[in-house]
Amino acid sequence: MTATLAPAPSCFFLAGLSPLEQLQLAPIVQRLEAGGALVPDAPANRLEVIGILHSYGEVLDAYSRNLIFIADHQFLELFPAFKYFNGEITLGKWLRY
């Protein structure tokens, strides 16, 4: 009895795997190469993907708010030392800072 060999890897990430791992991943790779989805279309899978996208959307929302804050309050301050003068730029204050 001879051992069956795994098919030649069609993707670069299969090349470093053992033959058993390649056999286990072969149906997924074939489905993806044929234009199918990574996970089967099922209600539970759809809800999981929607949950992942929702949580990623919250992260992107916080990131965009942070960028807007930086743009409004920090990015356009060409000389941040002037914020310490409170509108009165004198030589004494300039030498102190």
PDB file of N, CA and C in Angstrom:
ATOM      1  N   MET A   1       0.830  -1.160   0.000  1.00  0.00           N
ATOM      2  CA  MET A   1       0.000   0.000   0.000  1.00  0.00           C
ATOM      3  C   MET A   1       0.887   1.239   0.000  1.00  0.00           C
ATOM      4  N   THR A   2       0.606   2.145  -0.900  1.00  0.00           N
ATOM      5  CA  THR A   2       1.402   3.360  -1.007  1.00  0.00           C
ATOM      6  C   THR A   2       0.593   4.540  -0.484  1.00  0.00           C
ATOM      7  N   ALA A   3       1.286   5.492   0.030  1.00  0.00           N
ATOM      8  CA  ALA A   3       0.635   6.698   0.551  1.00  0.00           C
ATOM      9  C   ALA A   3       0.283   7.597  -0.612  1.00  0.00           C
ATOM     10  N   THR A   4      -0.865   8.235  -0.515  1.00  0.00           N
ATOM     11  CA  THR A   4      -1.251   9.174  -1.564  1.00  0.00           C
ATOM     12  C   THR A   4      -0.553  10.498  -1.319  1.00  0.00           C
ATOM     13  N   LEU A   5      -0.092  11.067  -2.381  1.00  0.00           N
ATOM     14  CA  LEU A   5       0.596  12.351  -2.293  1.00  0.00           C
ATOM     15  C   LEU A   5      -0.412  13.474  -2.458  1.00  0.00           C
ATOM     16  N   ALA A   6      -0.128  14.566  -1.812  1.00  0.00           N
ATOM     17  CA  ALA A   6      -0.988  15.735  -1.941  1.00  0.00           C
ATOM     18  C   ALA A   6      -0.812  16.324  -3.325  1.00  0.00           C
ATOM     19  N   PRO A   7      -1.858  16.920  -3.871  1.00  0.00           N
ATOM     20  CA  PRO A   7      -1.712  17.554  -5.174  1.00  0.00           C
ATOM     21  C   PRO A   7      -0.735  18.708  -5.101  1.00  0.00           C
ATOM     22  N   ALA A   8      -0.169  19.028  -6.210  1.00  0.00           N
ATOM     23  CA  ALA A   8       0.776  20.140  -6.251  1.00  0.00           C
ATOM     24  C   ALA A   8       0.063  21.408  -5.809  1.00  0.00           C
ATOM     25  N   PRO A   9       0.685  22.172  -4.926  1.00  0.00           N
ATOM     26  CA  PRO A   9       0.022  23.364  -4.430  1.00  0.00           C
ATOM     27  C   PRO A   9      -0.208  24.376  -5.541  1.00  0.00           C
ATOM     28  N   SER A  10      -1.427  24.871  -5.614  1.00  0.00           N
ATOM     29  CA  SER A  10      -1.726  25.869  -6.625  1.00  0.00           C
ATOM     30  C   SER A  10      -1.534  27.272  -6.084  1.00  0.00           C
ATOM     31  N   CYS A  11      -1.390  27.399  -4.777  1.00  0.00           N
ATOM     32  CA  CYS A  11      -1.175  28.704  -4.160  1.00  0.00           C
ATOM     33  C   CYS A  11       0.156  28.680  -3.420  1.00  0.00           C
ATOM     34  N   PHE A  12       0.780  29.822  -3.337  1.00  0.00           N
ATOM     35  CA  PHE A  12       2.099  29.891  -2.711  1.00  0.00           C
ATOM     36  C   PHE A  12       2.050  29.536  -1.235  1.00  0.00           C
ATOM     37  N   PHE A  13       0.941  29.807  -0.532  1.00  0.00           N
ATOM     38  CA  PHE A  13       0.911  29.534   0.905  1.00  0.00           C
ATOM     39  C   PHE A  13       0.749  28.059   1.214  1.00  0.00           C
ATOM     40  N   LEU A  14       0.407  27.236   0.238  1.00  0.00           N
ATOM     41  CA  LEU A  14       0.317  25.797   0.476  1.00  0.00           C
ATOM     42  C   LEU A  14       1.680  25.116   0.385  1.00  0.00           C
ATOM     43  N   ALA A  15       2.640  25.769  -0.205  1.00  0.00           N
ATOM     44  CA  ALA A  15       3.939  25.149  -0.462  1.00  0.00           C
ATOM     45  C   ALA A  15       4.659  24.756   0.822  1.00  0.00           C
ATOM     46  N   GLY A  16       4.506  25.516   1.886  1.00  0.00           N
ATOM     47  CA  GLY A  16       5.229  25.221   3.123  1.00  0.00           C
ATOM     48  C   GLY A  16       4.488  24.285   4.058  1.00  0.00           C
ATOM     49  N   LEU A  17       3.316  23.803   3.661  1.00  0.00           N
ATOM     50  CA  LEU A  17       2.522  22.951   4.541  1.00  0.00           C
ATOM     51  C   LEU A  17       2.827  21.483   4.316  1.00  0.00           C
ATOM     52  N   SER A  18       2.500  20.687   5.314  1.00  0.00           N
ATOM     53  CA  SER A  18       2.689  19.246   5.178  1.00  0.00           C
ATOM     54  C   SER A  18       1.657  18.698   4.191  1.00  0.00           C
ATOM     55  N   PRO A  19       1.899  17.512   3.623  1.00  0.00           N
ATOM     56  CA  PRO A  19       0.935  16.936   2.680  1.00  0.00           C
ATOM     57  C   PRO A  19      -0.460  16.762   3.282  1.00  0.00           C
ATOM     58  N   LEU A  20      -0.550  16.429   4.559  1.00  0.00           N
ATOM     59  CA  LEU A  20      -1.859  16.283   5.195  1.00  0.00           C
ATOM     60  C   LEU A  20      -2.588  17.621   5.263  1.00  0.00           C
ATOM     61  N   GLU A  21      -1.856  18.666   5.633  1.00  0.00           N
ATOM     62  CA  GLU A  21      -2.468  19.993   5.687  1.00  0.00           C
ATOM     63  C   GLU A  21      -2.895  20.464   4.298  1.00  0.00           C
ATOM     64  N   GLN A  22      -2.098  20.140   3.294  1.00  0.00           N
ATOM     65  CA  GLN A  22      -2.461  20.500   1.923  1.00  0.00           C
ATOM     66  C   GLN A  22      -3.738  19.797   1.493  1.00  0.00           C
ATOM     67  N   LEU A  23      -3.888  18.517   1.874  1.00  0.00           N
ATOM     68  CA  LEU A  23      -5.109  17.788   1.531  1.00  0.00           C
ATOM     69  C   LEU A  23      -6.327  18.377   2.229  1.00  0.00           C
ATOM     70  N   GLN A  24      -6.142  18.829   3.457  1.00  0.00           N
ATOM     71  CA  GLN A  24      -7.258  19.402   4.198  1.00  0.00           C
ATOM     72  C   GLN A  24      -7.683  20.743   3.610  1.00  0.00           C
ATOM     73  N   LEU A  25      -6.729  21.511   3.110  1.00  0.00           N
ATOM     74  CA  LEU A  25      -7.042  22.827   2.565  1.00  0.00           C
ATOM     75  C   LEU A  25      -7.383  22.800   1.078  1.00  0.00           C
ATOM     76  N   ALA A  26      -7.157  21.695   0.413  1.00  0.00           N
ATOM     77  CA  ALA A  26      -7.379  21.621  -1.025  1.00  0.00           C
ATOM     78  C   ALA A  26      -8.808  21.973  -1.438  1.00  0.00           C
ATOM     79  N   PRO A  27      -9.849  21.475  -0.762  1.00  0.00           N
ATOM     80  CA  PRO A  27     -11.207  21.850  -1.187  1.00  0.00           C
ATOM     81  C   PRO A  27     -11.486  23.349  -1.063  1.00  0.00           C
ATOM     82  N   ILE A  28     -10.942  23.970  -0.028  1.00  0.00           N
ATOM     83  CA  ILE A  28     -11.144  25.412   0.152  1.00  0.00           C
ATOM     84  C   ILE A  28     -10.452  26.184  -0.958  1.00  0.00           C
ATOM     85  N   VAL A  29      -9.223  25.776  -1.273  1.00  0.00           N
ATOM     86  CA  VAL A  29      -8.477  26.452  -2.332  1.00  0.00           C
ATOM     87  C   VAL A  29      -9.174  26.278  -3.681  1.00  0.00           C
ATOM     88  N   GLN A  30      -9.654  25.063  -3.952  1.00  0.00           N
ATOM     89  CA  GLN A  30     -10.365  24.833  -5.213  1.00  0.00           C
ATOM     90  C   GLN A  30     -11.632  25.674  -5.289  1.00  0.00           C
ATOM     91  N   ARG A  31     -12.353  25.800  -4.186  1.00  0.00           N
ATOM     92  CA  ARG A  31     -13.566  26.620  -4.169  1.00  0.00           C
ATOM     93  C   ARG A  31     -13.231  28.088  -4.430  1.00  0.00           C
ATOM     94  N   LEU A  32     -12.157  28.582  -3.829  1.00  0.00           N
ATOM     95  CA  LEU A  32     -11.760  29.967  -4.039  1.00  0.00           C
ATOM     96  C   LEU A  32     -11.290  30.205  -5.467  1.00  0.00           C
ATOM     97  N   GLU A  33     -10.519  29.246  -6.017  1.00  0.00           N
ATOM     98  CA  GLU A  33     -10.034  29.399  -7.392  1.00  0.00           C
ATOM     99  C   GLU A  33     -11.174  29.359  -8.403  1.00  0.00           C
ATOM    100  N   ALA A  34     -12.259  28.678  -8.039  1.00  0.00           N
ATOM    101  CA  ALA A  34     -13.412  28.601  -8.930  1.00  0.00           C
ATOM    102  C   ALA A  34     -14.311  29.830  -8.802  1.00  0.00           C
ATOM    103  N   GLY A  35     -13.952  30.751  -7.930  1.00  0.00           N
ATOM    104  CA  GLY A  35     -14.736  31.965  -7.768  1.00  0.00           C
ATOM    105  C   GLY A  35     -15.767  31.880  -6.670  1.00  0.00           C
ATOM    106  N   GLY A  36     -15.694  30.857  -5.839  1.00  0.00           N
ATOM    107  CA  GLY A  36     -16.646  30.698  -4.743  1.00  0.00           C
ATOM    108  C   GLY A  36     -16.251  31.513  -3.530  1.00  0.00           C
ATOM    109  N   ALA A  37     -17.069  31.390  -2.504  1.00  0.00           N
ATOM    110  CA  ALA A  37     -16.837  32.127  -1.264  1.00  0.00           C
ATOM    111  C   ALA A  37     -15.901  31.352  -0.342  1.00  0.00           C
ATOM    112  N   LEU A  38     -15.292  32.057   0.581  1.00  0.00           N
ATOM    113  CA  LEU A  38     -14.393  31.418   1.537  1.00  0.00           C
ATOM    114  C   LEU A  38     -15.168  30.508   2.480  1.00  0.00           C
ATOM    115  N   VAL A  39     -16.318  30.957   2.948  1.00  0.00           N
ATOM    116  CA  VAL A  39     -17.167  30.146   3.810  1.00  0.00           C
ATOM    117  C   VAL A  39     -18.472  29.869   3.081  1.00  0.00           C
ATOM    118  N   PRO A  40     -19.086  28.743   3.354  1.00  0.00           N
ATOM    119  CA  PRO A  40     -20.357  28.434   2.690  1.00  0.00           C
ATOM    120  C   PRO A  40     -21.431  29.461   3.042  1.00  0.00           C
ATOM    121  N   ASP A  41     -22.370  29.660   2.114  1.00  0.00           N
ATOM    122  CA  ASP A  41     -23.438  30.619   2.329  1.00  0.00           C
ATOM    123  C   ASP A  41     -24.493  30.008   3.251  1.00  0.00           C
ATOM    124  N   ALA A  42     -24.485  30.454   4.483  1.00  0.00           N
ATOM    125  CA  ALA A  42     -25.433  29.978   5.489  1.00  0.00           C
ATOM    126  C   ALA A  42     -25.811  31.153   6.381  1.00  0.00           C
ATOM    127  N   PRO A  43     -26.991  31.142   6.974  1.00  0.00           N
ATOM    128  CA  PRO A  43     -27.403  32.269   7.831  1.00  0.00           C
ATOM    129  C   PRO A  43     -26.421  32.556   8.969  1.00  0.00           C
ATOM    130  N   ALA A  44     -25.898  31.524   9.594  1.00  0.00           N
ATOM    131  CA  ALA A  44     -24.950  31.740  10.699  1.00  0.00           C
ATOM    132  C   ALA A  44     -23.669  32.406  10.197  1.00  0.00           C
ATOM    133  N   ASN A  45     -23.194  31.983   9.020  1.00  0.00           N
ATOM    134  CA  ASN A  45     -21.982  32.584   8.467  1.00  0.00           C
ATOM    135  C   ASN A  45     -22.222  34.038   8.078  1.00  0.00           C
ATOM    136  N   ARG A  46     -23.404  34.324   7.515  1.00  0.00           N
ATOM    137  CA  ARG A  46     -23.725  35.701   7.147  1.00  0.00           C
ATOM    138  C   ARG A  46     -23.742  36.594   8.385  1.00  0.00           C
ATOM    139  N   LEU A  47     -24.367  36.114   9.467  1.00  0.00           N
ATOM    140  CA  LEU A  47     -24.411  36.918  10.693  1.00  0.00           C
ATOM    141  C   LEU A  47     -23.016  37.156  11.256  1.00  0.00           C
ATOM    142  N   GLU A  48     -22.166  36.154  11.170  1.00  0.00           N
ATOM    143  CA  GLU A  48     -20.796  36.322  11.672  1.00  0.00           C
ATOM    144  C   GLU A  48     -20.037  37.347  10.844  1.00  0.00           C
ATOM    145  N   VAL A  49     -20.169  37.288   9.536  1.00  0.00           N
ATOM    146  CA  VAL A  49     -19.485  38.254   8.668  1.00  0.00           C
ATOM    147  C   VAL A  49     -20.025  39.659   8.914  1.00  0.00           C
ATOM    148  N   ILE A  50     -21.334  39.787   9.072  1.00  0.00           N
ATOM    149  CA  ILE A  50     -21.927  41.098   9.350  1.00  0.00           C
ATOM    150  C   ILE A  50     -21.422  41.637  10.685  1.00  0.00           C
ATOM    151  N   GLY A  51     -21.302  40.773  11.685  1.00  0.00           N
ATOM    152  CA  GLY A  51     -20.775  41.203  12.984  1.00  0.00           C
ATOM    153  C   GLY A  51     -19.334  41.680  12.889  1.00  0.00           C
ATOM    154  N   ILE A  52     -18.537  40.980  12.109  1.00  0.00           N
ATOM    155  CA  ILE A  52     -17.136  41.390  11.920  1.00  0.00           C
ATOM    156  C   ILE A  52     -17.071  42.737  11.226  1.00  0.00           C
ATOM    157  N   LEU A  53     -17.879  42.911  10.180  1.00  0.00           N
ATOM    158  CA  LEU A  53     -17.884  44.185   9.456  1.00  0.00           C
ATOM    159  C   LEU A  53     -18.387  45.313  10.348  1.00  0.00           C
ATOM    160  N   HIS A  54     -19.370  45.026  11.201  1.00  0.00           N
ATOM    161  CA  HIS A  54     -19.894  46.050  12.104  1.00  0.00           C
ATOM    162  C   HIS A  54     -18.807  46.495  13.083  1.00  0.00           C
ATOM    163  N   SER A  55     -18.094  45.553  13.688  1.00  0.00           N
ATOM    164  CA  SER A  55     -17.045  45.917  14.639  1.00  0.00           C
ATOM    165  C   SER A  55     -15.910  46.654  13.941  1.00  0.00           C
ATOM    166  N   TYR A  56     -15.600  46.268  12.707  1.00  0.00           N
ATOM    167  CA  TYR A  56     -14.556  46.969  11.957  1.00  0.00           C
ATOM    168  C   TYR A  56     -15.014  48.386  11.638  1.00  0.00           C
ATOM    169  N   GLY A  57     -16.310  48.562  11.365  1.00  0.00           N
ATOM    170  CA  GLY A  57     -16.842  49.892  11.111  1.00  0.00           C
ATOM    171  C   GLY A  57     -16.715  50.801  12.317  1.00  0.00           C
ATOM    172  N   GLU A  58     -16.896  50.253  13.524  1.00  0.00           N
ATOM    173  CA  GLU A  58     -16.733  51.059  14.724  1.00  0.00           C
ATOM    174  C   GLU A  58     -15.286  51.512  14.895  1.00  0.00           C
ATOM    175  N   VAL A  59     -14.356  50.650  14.580  1.00  0.00           N
ATOM    176  CA  VAL A  59     -12.936  51.016  14.667  1.00  0.00           C
ATOM    177  C   VAL A  59     -12.621  52.105  13.657  1.00  0.00           C
ATOM    178  N   LEU A  60     -13.128  51.972  12.433  1.00  0.00           N
ATOM    179  CA  LEU A  60     -12.880  52.989  11.419  1.00  0.00           C
ATOM    180  C   LEU A  60     -13.528  54.315  11.795  1.00  0.00           C
ATOM    181  N   ASP A  61     -14.693  54.274  12.433  1.00  0.00           N
ATOM    182  CA  ASP A  61     -15.354  55.500  12.868  1.00  0.00           C
ATOM    183  C   ASP A  61     -14.502  56.227  13.899  1.00  0.00           C
ATOM    184  N   ALA A  62     -13.991  55.504  14.874  1.00  0.00           N
ATOM    185  CA  ALA A  62     -13.133  56.122  15.894  1.00  0.00           C
ATOM    186  C   ALA A  62     -11.856  56.667  15.274  1.00  0.00           C
ATOM    187  N   TYR A  63     -11.300  55.940  14.312  1.00  0.00           N
ATOM    188  CA  TYR A  63     -10.080  56.393  13.637  1.00  0.00           C
ATOM    189  C   TYR A  63     -10.349  57.667  12.845  1.00  0.00           C
ATOM    190  N   SER A  64     -11.493  57.730  12.155  1.00  0.00           N
ATOM    191  CA  SER A  64     -11.798  58.925  11.374  1.00  0.00           C
ATOM    192  C   SER A  64     -12.041  60.117  12.291  1.00  0.00           C
ATOM    193  N   ARG A  65     -12.694  59.897  13.443  1.00  0.00           N
ATOM    194  CA  ARG A  65     -12.892  60.993  14.394  1.00  0.00           C
ATOM    195  C   ARG A  65     -11.550  61.506  14.914  1.00  0.00           C
ATOM    196  N   ASN A  66     -10.620  60.600  15.151  1.00  0.00           N
ATOM    197  CA  ASN A  66      -9.294  60.990  15.611  1.00  0.00           C
ATOM    198  C   ASN A  66      -8.578  61.816  14.544  1.00  0.00           C
ATOM    199  N   LEU A  67      -8.660  61.394  13.301  1.00  0.00           N
ATOM    200  CA  LEU A  67      -8.018  62.149  12.218  1.00  0.00           C
ATOM    201  C   LEU A  67      -8.642  63.530  12.045  1.00  0.00           C
ATOM    202  N   ILE A  68      -9.960  63.612  12.181  1.00  0.00           N
ATOM    203  CA  ILE A  68     -10.633  64.910  12.077  1.00  0.00           C
ATOM    204  C   ILE A  68     -10.196  65.824  13.210  1.00  0.00           C
ATOM    205  N   PHE A  69     -10.077  65.281  14.431  1.00  0.00           N
ATOM    206  CA  PHE A  69      -9.609  66.084  15.562  1.00  0.00           C
ATOM    207  C   PHE A  69      -8.198  66.609  15.312  1.00  0.00           C
ATOM    208  N   ILE A  70      -7.325  65.743  14.829  1.00  0.00           N
ATOM    209  CA  ILE A  70      -5.950  66.161  14.544  1.00  0.00           C
ATOM    210  C   ILE A  70      -5.940  67.241  13.478  1.00  0.00           C
ATOM    211  N   ALA A  71      -6.752  67.075  12.433  1.00  0.00           N
ATOM    212  CA  ALA A  71      -6.796  68.068  11.360  1.00  0.00           C
ATOM    213  C   ALA A  71      -7.317  69.407  11.867  1.00  0.00           C
ATOM    214  N   ASP A  72      -8.310  69.380  12.755  1.00  0.00           N
ATOM    215  CA  ASP A  72      -8.905  70.627  13.241  1.00  0.00           C
ATOM    216  C   ASP A  72      -8.060  71.321  14.302  1.00  0.00           C
ATOM    217  N   HIS A  73      -7.356  70.569  15.142  1.00  0.00           N
ATOM    218  CA  HIS A  73      -6.703  71.184  16.299  1.00  0.00           C
ATOM    219  C   HIS A  73      -5.181  71.164  16.281  1.00  0.00           C
ATOM    220  N   GLN A  74      -4.579  70.279  15.524  1.00  0.00           N
ATOM    221  CA  GLN A  74      -3.134  70.141  15.641  1.00  0.00           C
ATOM    222  C   GLN A  74      -2.401  70.283  14.321  1.00  0.00           C
ATOM    223  N   PHE A  75      -2.955  69.760  13.253  1.00  0.00           N
ATOM    224  CA  PHE A  75      -2.215  69.666  12.000  1.00  0.00           C
ATOM    225  C   PHE A  75      -1.867  71.030  11.428  1.00  0.00           C
ATOM    226  N   LEU A  76      -2.788  71.985  11.507  1.00  0.00           N
ATOM    227  CA  LEU A  76      -2.566  73.271  10.874  1.00  0.00           C
ATOM    228  C   LEU A  76      -1.858  74.278  11.766  1.00  0.00           C
ATOM    229  N   GLU A  77      -1.479  73.898  12.960  1.00  0.00           N
ATOM    230  CA  GLU A  77      -0.689  74.783  13.805  1.00  0.00           C
ATOM    231  C   GLU A  77       0.762  74.700  13.361  1.00  0.00           C
ATOM    232  N   LEU A  78       1.165  75.673  12.570  1.00  0.00           N
ATOM    233  CA  LEU A  78       2.524  75.620  12.029  1.00  0.00           C
ATOM    234  C   LEU A  78       3.581  75.856  13.102  1.00  0.00           C
ATOM    235  N   PHE A  79       3.258  76.720  14.065  1.00  0.00           N
ATOM    236  CA  PHE A  79       4.199  77.022  15.133  1.00  0.00           C
ATOM    237  C   PHE A  79       3.509  76.772  16.474  1.00  0.00           C
ATOM    238  N   PRO A  80       3.554  75.548  17.001  1.00  0.00           N
ATOM    239  CA  PRO A  80       2.813  75.224  18.219  1.00  0.00           C
ATOM    240  C   PRO A  80       3.255  76.024  19.440  1.00  0.00           C
ATOM    241  N   ALA A  81       4.425  76.641  19.412  1.00  0.00           N
ATOM    242  CA  ALA A  81       4.866  77.426  20.565  1.00  0.00           C
ATOM    243  C   ALA A  81       3.991  78.655  20.770  1.00  0.00           C
ATOM    244  N   PHE A  82       3.331  79.138  19.721  1.00  0.00           N
ATOM    245  CA  PHE A  82       2.508  80.345  19.837  1.00  0.00           C
ATOM    246  C   PHE A  82       1.284  80.136  20.722  1.00  0.00           C
ATOM    247  N   LYS A  83       0.884  78.892  20.969  1.00  0.00           N
ATOM    248  CA  LYS A  83      -0.291  78.667  21.809  1.00  0.00           C
ATOM    249  C   LYS A  83      -0.020  79.056  23.261  1.00  0.00           C
ATOM    250  N   TYR A  84       1.240  79.170  23.657  1.00  0.00           N
ATOM    251  CA  TYR A  84       1.581  79.543  25.028  1.00  0.00           C
ATOM    252  C   TYR A  84       1.573  81.054  25.247  1.00  0.00           C
ATOM    253  N   PHE A  85       1.486  81.848  24.175  1.00  0.00           N
ATOM    254  CA  PHE A  85       1.556  83.298  24.303  1.00  0.00           C
ATOM    255  C   PHE A  85       0.202  83.941  24.580  1.00  0.00           C
ATOM    256  N   ASN A  86      -0.902  83.235  24.380  1.00  0.00           N
ATOM    257  CA  ASN A  86      -2.247  83.762  24.607  1.00  0.00           C
ATOM    258  C   ASN A  86      -2.488  85.063  23.856  1.00  0.00           C
ATOM    259  N   GLY A  87      -1.984  85.157  22.655  1.00  0.00           N
ATOM    260  CA  GLY A  87      -2.233  86.343  21.828  1.00  0.00           C
ATOM    261  C   GLY A  87      -1.265  87.482  22.062  1.00  0.00           C
ATOM    262  N   GLU A  88      -0.428  87.422  23.078  1.00  0.00           N
ATOM    263  CA  GLU A  88       0.537  88.492  23.368  1.00  0.00           C
ATOM    264  C   GLU A  88       1.943  87.969  23.135  1.00  0.00           C
ATOM    265  N   ILE A  89       2.487  88.280  22.013  1.00  0.00           N
ATOM    266  CA  ILE A  89       3.833  87.811  21.691  1.00  0.00           C
ATOM    267  C   ILE A  89       4.811  88.913  22.076  1.00  0.00           C
ATOM    268  N   THR A  90       5.578  88.670  23.129  1.00  0.00           N
ATOM    269  CA  THR A  90       6.593  89.622  23.582  1.00  0.00           C
ATOM    270  C   THR A  90       7.946  88.916  23.620  1.00  0.00           C
ATOM    271  N   LEU A  91       8.977  89.712  23.656  1.00  0.00           N
ATOM    272  CA  LEU A  91      10.327  89.151  23.683  1.00  0.00           C
ATOM    273  C   LEU A  91      10.563  88.355  24.960  1.00  0.00           C
ATOM    274  N   GLY A  92      10.038  88.822  26.072  1.00  0.00           N
ATOM    275  CA  GLY A  92      10.221  88.124  27.345  1.00  0.00           C
ATOM    276  C   GLY A  92       9.570  86.740  27.332  1.00  0.00           C
ATOM    277  N   LYS A  93       8.332  86.681  26.819  1.00  0.00           N
ATOM    278  CA  LYS A  93       7.670  85.374  26.722  1.00  0.00           C
ATOM    279  C   LYS A  93       8.370  84.476  25.735  1.00  0.00           C
ATOM    280  N   TRP A  94       8.860  85.067  24.654  1.00  0.00           N
ATOM    281  CA  TRP A  94       9.553  84.255  23.627  1.00  0.00           C
ATOM    282  C   TRP A  94      10.828  83.656  24.212  1.00  0.00           C
ATOM    283  N   LEU A  95      11.575  84.426  24.988  1.00  0.00           N
ATOM    284  CA  LEU A  95      12.803  83.897  25.578  1.00  0.00           C
ATOM    285  C   LEU A  95      12.517  82.865  26.666  1.00  0.00           C
ATOM    286  N   ARG A  96      11.384  82.993  27.332  1.00  0.00           N
ATOM    287  CA  ARG A  96      11.037  82.039  28.374  1.00  0.00           C
ATOM    288  C   ARG A  96      10.708  80.668  27.768  1.00  0.00           C
ATOM    289  N   TYR A  97      10.074  80.656  26.612  1.00  0.00           N
ATOM    290  CA  TYR A  97       9.698  79.394  25.986  1.00  0.00           C
ATOM    291  C   TYR A  97      10.690  78.978  24.942  1.00  0.00           C
TER     292      TYR A  97
END
